[in-house]
Amino acid sequence: MRDSADELVAVWGDELPWMDPVQEAIMVRLAVLGRHLTQARRAALVQGGLEHGQFKILLALRRGGSPYVASPSELADRLGLTRGALSARLGPLEEAGLIERDAEPGADRRRVRVRLTEAGNGAFERHATTENRGEAALLATLTPGERQTLADLLRKLVLQAGQQS
């Protein structure tokens, strides 16, 4: 069975005889899958009524563990944002009832914490479930052994990429 990568490799094989066709096929397929996953994630966000930046904040709060609370500076650091950029993203989430900002107990009113609300946790769960279903559907064509082999091979590539950065 042939795919679009096979066709591209055939064209480039004629034009660039020095090119490794297996290497090119791998890179093209990784790019195709990356675009597919990006589009699927965007569609899941739209379906859930979230923007990418908003979801990342919910994700950062969940990743921090229960009780899903962090200071704005902790969140900004986790997300690689300035405090001002984070504050602009928190406003709509607070208005939607997905987070709450309140004074840190026992501190003066200038020390604030951000807390994931029940509605925010629900929004996160719905999005993560939708995304997971799409990913599972994509991987359904592979056997469990093939999935493990693919995960192991991709880990090797990720580790190599990390050493080259």
Protein backbone atom coordinates (compact mmCIF):
# COMPACT_ATOMS: atom_id res chain seq x y z
CA MET A 1 0.00 0.00 0.00
CA ARG A 2 1.42 3.39 -1.03
CA ASP A 3 0.90 6.77 0.60
CA SER A 4 1.71 10.38 -0.24
CA ALA A 5 5.22 10.00 1.23
CA ASP A 6 6.01 7.26 -1.28
CA GLU A 7 5.04 9.59 -4.12
CA LEU A 8 7.15 12.46 -2.77
CA VAL A 9 10.15 10.21 -2.24
CA ALA A 10 9.86 8.91 -5.80
CA VAL A 11 9.89 12.45 -7.19
CA TRP A 12 12.84 13.54 -5.05
CA GLY A 13 14.67 10.29 -5.76
CA ASP A 14 14.79 11.25 -9.44
CA GLU A 15 15.85 14.83 -8.67
CA LEU A 16 18.25 14.15 -5.80
CA PRO A 17 20.00 10.80 -6.36
CA TRP A 18 22.13 11.31 -3.20
CA MET A 19 19.01 11.43 -0.98
CA ASP A 20 18.33 8.44 1.29
CA PRO A 21 14.74 7.44 0.36
CA VAL A 22 14.06 5.71 3.69
CA GLN A 23 15.22 8.74 5.66
CA GLU A 24 13.08 11.04 3.51
CA ALA A 25 10.03 8.76 3.87
CA ILE A 26 10.39 8.81 7.66
CA MET A 27 10.71 12.60 7.80
CA VAL A 28 7.76 13.16 5.45
CA ARG A 29 5.57 10.78 7.43
CA LEU A 30 6.54 12.41 10.75
CA ALA A 31 5.62 15.79 9.27
CA VAL A 32 2.28 14.48 7.97
CA LEU A 33 1.45 12.96 11.35
CA GLY A 34 2.50 16.17 13.13
CA ARG A 35 0.14 18.21 10.96
CA HIS A 36 -2.65 15.67 11.48
CA LEU A 37 -2.26 15.80 15.27
CA THR A 38 -2.12 19.60 15.29
CA GLN A 39 -5.33 19.85 13.26
CA ALA A 40 -7.07 17.24 15.42
CA ARG A 41 -6.06 19.10 18.61
CA ARG A 42 -7.29 22.41 17.21
CA ALA A 43 -10.61 20.81 16.27
CA ALA A 44 -10.96 19.34 19.77
CA LEU A 45 -10.26 22.76 21.30
CA VAL A 46 -12.86 24.43 19.10
CA GLN A 47 -15.36 21.70 19.97
CA GLY A 48 -14.70 22.34 23.68
CA GLY A 49 -14.83 26.11 23.33
CA LEU A 50 -11.22 26.60 24.45
CA GLU A 51 -8.28 28.40 22.92
CA HIS A 52 -4.86 26.76 22.87
CA GLY A 53 -3.40 29.17 25.45
CA GLN A 54 -6.36 28.66 27.75
CA PHE A 55 -6.04 24.89 27.60
CA LYS A 56 -2.32 25.15 28.37
CA ILE A 57 -3.16 27.02 31.59
CA LEU A 58 -5.69 24.36 32.62
CA LEU A 59 -3.09 21.72 31.74
CA ALA A 60 -0.40 23.46 33.81
CA LEU A 61 -2.72 23.59 36.82
CA ARG A 62 -3.62 19.90 36.46
CA ARG A 63 0.01 18.92 35.97
CA GLY A 64 0.85 20.56 39.28
CA GLY A 65 -1.30 17.99 41.07
CA SER A 66 -4.19 18.28 43.46
CA PRO A 67 -5.50 20.72 44.67
CA TYR A 68 -4.66 22.33 41.27
CA VAL A 69 -3.48 25.64 42.69
CA ALA A 70 -0.47 27.75 41.73
CA SER A 71 0.74 31.29 42.05
CA PRO A 72 0.71 33.39 38.87
CA SER A 73 4.51 33.45 38.87
CA GLU A 74 4.66 29.64 39.08
CA LEU A 75 2.22 29.35 36.19
CA ALA A 76 4.10 31.90 34.11
CA ASP A 77 7.34 29.99 34.67
CA ARG A 78 5.74 26.63 33.79
CA LEU A 79 4.33 28.09 30.58
CA GLY A 80 7.29 30.27 29.60
CA LEU A 81 5.17 33.43 29.69
CA THR A 82 5.68 36.88 31.12
CA ARG A 83 3.49 37.78 34.10
CA GLY A 84 1.60 40.28 31.91
CA ALA A 85 0.91 37.72 29.17
CA LEU A 86 -0.31 35.23 31.75
CA SER A 87 -2.57 37.79 33.39
CA ALA A 88 -4.20 38.55 30.03
CA ARG A 89 -4.91 34.83 29.54
CA LEU A 90 -6.28 34.34 33.05
CA GLY A 91 -9.01 36.98 32.69
CA PRO A 92 -11.18 35.11 30.15
CA LEU A 93 -10.73 31.83 32.05
CA GLU A 94 -11.87 33.50 35.24
CA GLU A 95 -14.85 35.10 33.49
CA ALA A 96 -15.82 31.67 32.14
CA GLY A 97 -15.64 30.21 35.66
CA LEU A 98 -12.82 27.81 34.78
CA ILE A 99 -10.37 29.28 37.30
CA GLU A 100 -10.54 31.47 40.38
CA ARG A 101 -7.98 33.96 41.59
CA ASP A 102 -7.98 34.73 45.29
CA ALA A 103 -5.66 35.96 47.99
CA GLU A 104 -3.26 33.44 49.39
CA PRO A 105 -4.36 32.41 52.89
CA GLY A 106 -2.32 34.05 55.63
CA ALA A 107 -0.65 36.49 53.21
CA ASP A 108 -1.40 40.05 52.28
CA ARG A 109 -3.85 40.66 49.44
CA ARG A 110 -1.04 41.16 46.91
CA ARG A 111 -0.18 37.45 47.02
CA VAL A 112 -2.62 35.70 44.73
CA ARG A 113 -3.16 32.09 43.84
CA VAL A 114 -4.90 30.62 40.80
CA ARG A 115 -7.16 27.64 41.37
CA LEU A 116 -8.77 25.30 38.88
CA THR A 117 -12.53 25.24 39.50
CA GLU A 118 -14.81 22.25 39.14
CA ALA A 119 -15.96 23.68 35.80
CA GLY A 120 -12.33 24.12 34.72
CA ASN A 121 -11.52 20.57 35.70
CA GLY A 122 -14.53 19.39 33.69
CA ALA A 123 -13.45 21.41 30.65
CA PHE A 124 -9.95 19.94 30.90
CA GLU A 125 -11.30 16.39 31.23
CA ARG A 126 -13.65 16.78 28.25
CA HIS A 127 -10.85 18.11 26.05
CA ALA A 128 -8.34 15.48 27.17
CA THR A 129 -10.91 12.72 26.57
CA THR A 130 -11.74 14.01 23.09
CA GLU A 131 -8.05 14.28 22.21
CA ASN A 132 -7.36 10.81 23.58
CA ARG A 133 -10.14 9.25 21.50
CA GLY A 134 -8.67 10.75 18.32
CA GLU A 135 -5.18 9.55 19.17
CA ALA A 136 -6.48 6.06 20.01
CA ALA A 137 -8.32 5.93 16.68
CA LEU A 138 -5.10 6.83 14.84
CA LEU A 139 -3.11 4.15 16.66
CA ALA A 140 -5.83 1.48 16.37
CA THR A 141 -4.26 0.19 13.16
CA LEU A 142 -1.21 -0.97 15.16
CA THR A 143 -1.00 -4.04 17.36
CA PRO A 144 0.01 -3.52 21.00
CA GLY A 145 3.50 -4.79 20.14
CA GLU A 146 3.80 -2.41 17.21
CA ARG A 147 2.71 0.48 19.43
CA GLN A 148 5.41 -0.38 21.96
CA THR A 149 8.04 -0.69 19.23
CA LEU A 150 6.99 2.67 17.78
CA ALA A 151 7.08 4.29 21.24
CA ASP A 152 10.56 2.88 21.86
CA LEU A 153 11.89 4.02 18.47
CA LEU A 154 10.44 7.50 18.88
CA ARG A 155 12.00 7.74 22.36
CA LYS A 156 15.40 7.06 20.79
CA LEU A 157 14.81 9.85 18.27
CA VAL A 158 13.62 12.28 20.95
CA LEU A 159 16.68 11.56 23.09
CA GLN A 160 18.95 12.08 20.08
CA ALA A 161 17.21 15.34 19.21
CA GLY A 162 17.68 16.50 22.81
CA GLN A 163 21.41 15.84 22.60
CA GLN A 164 21.69 17.84 19.37
CA SER A 165 19.91 20.91 20.77
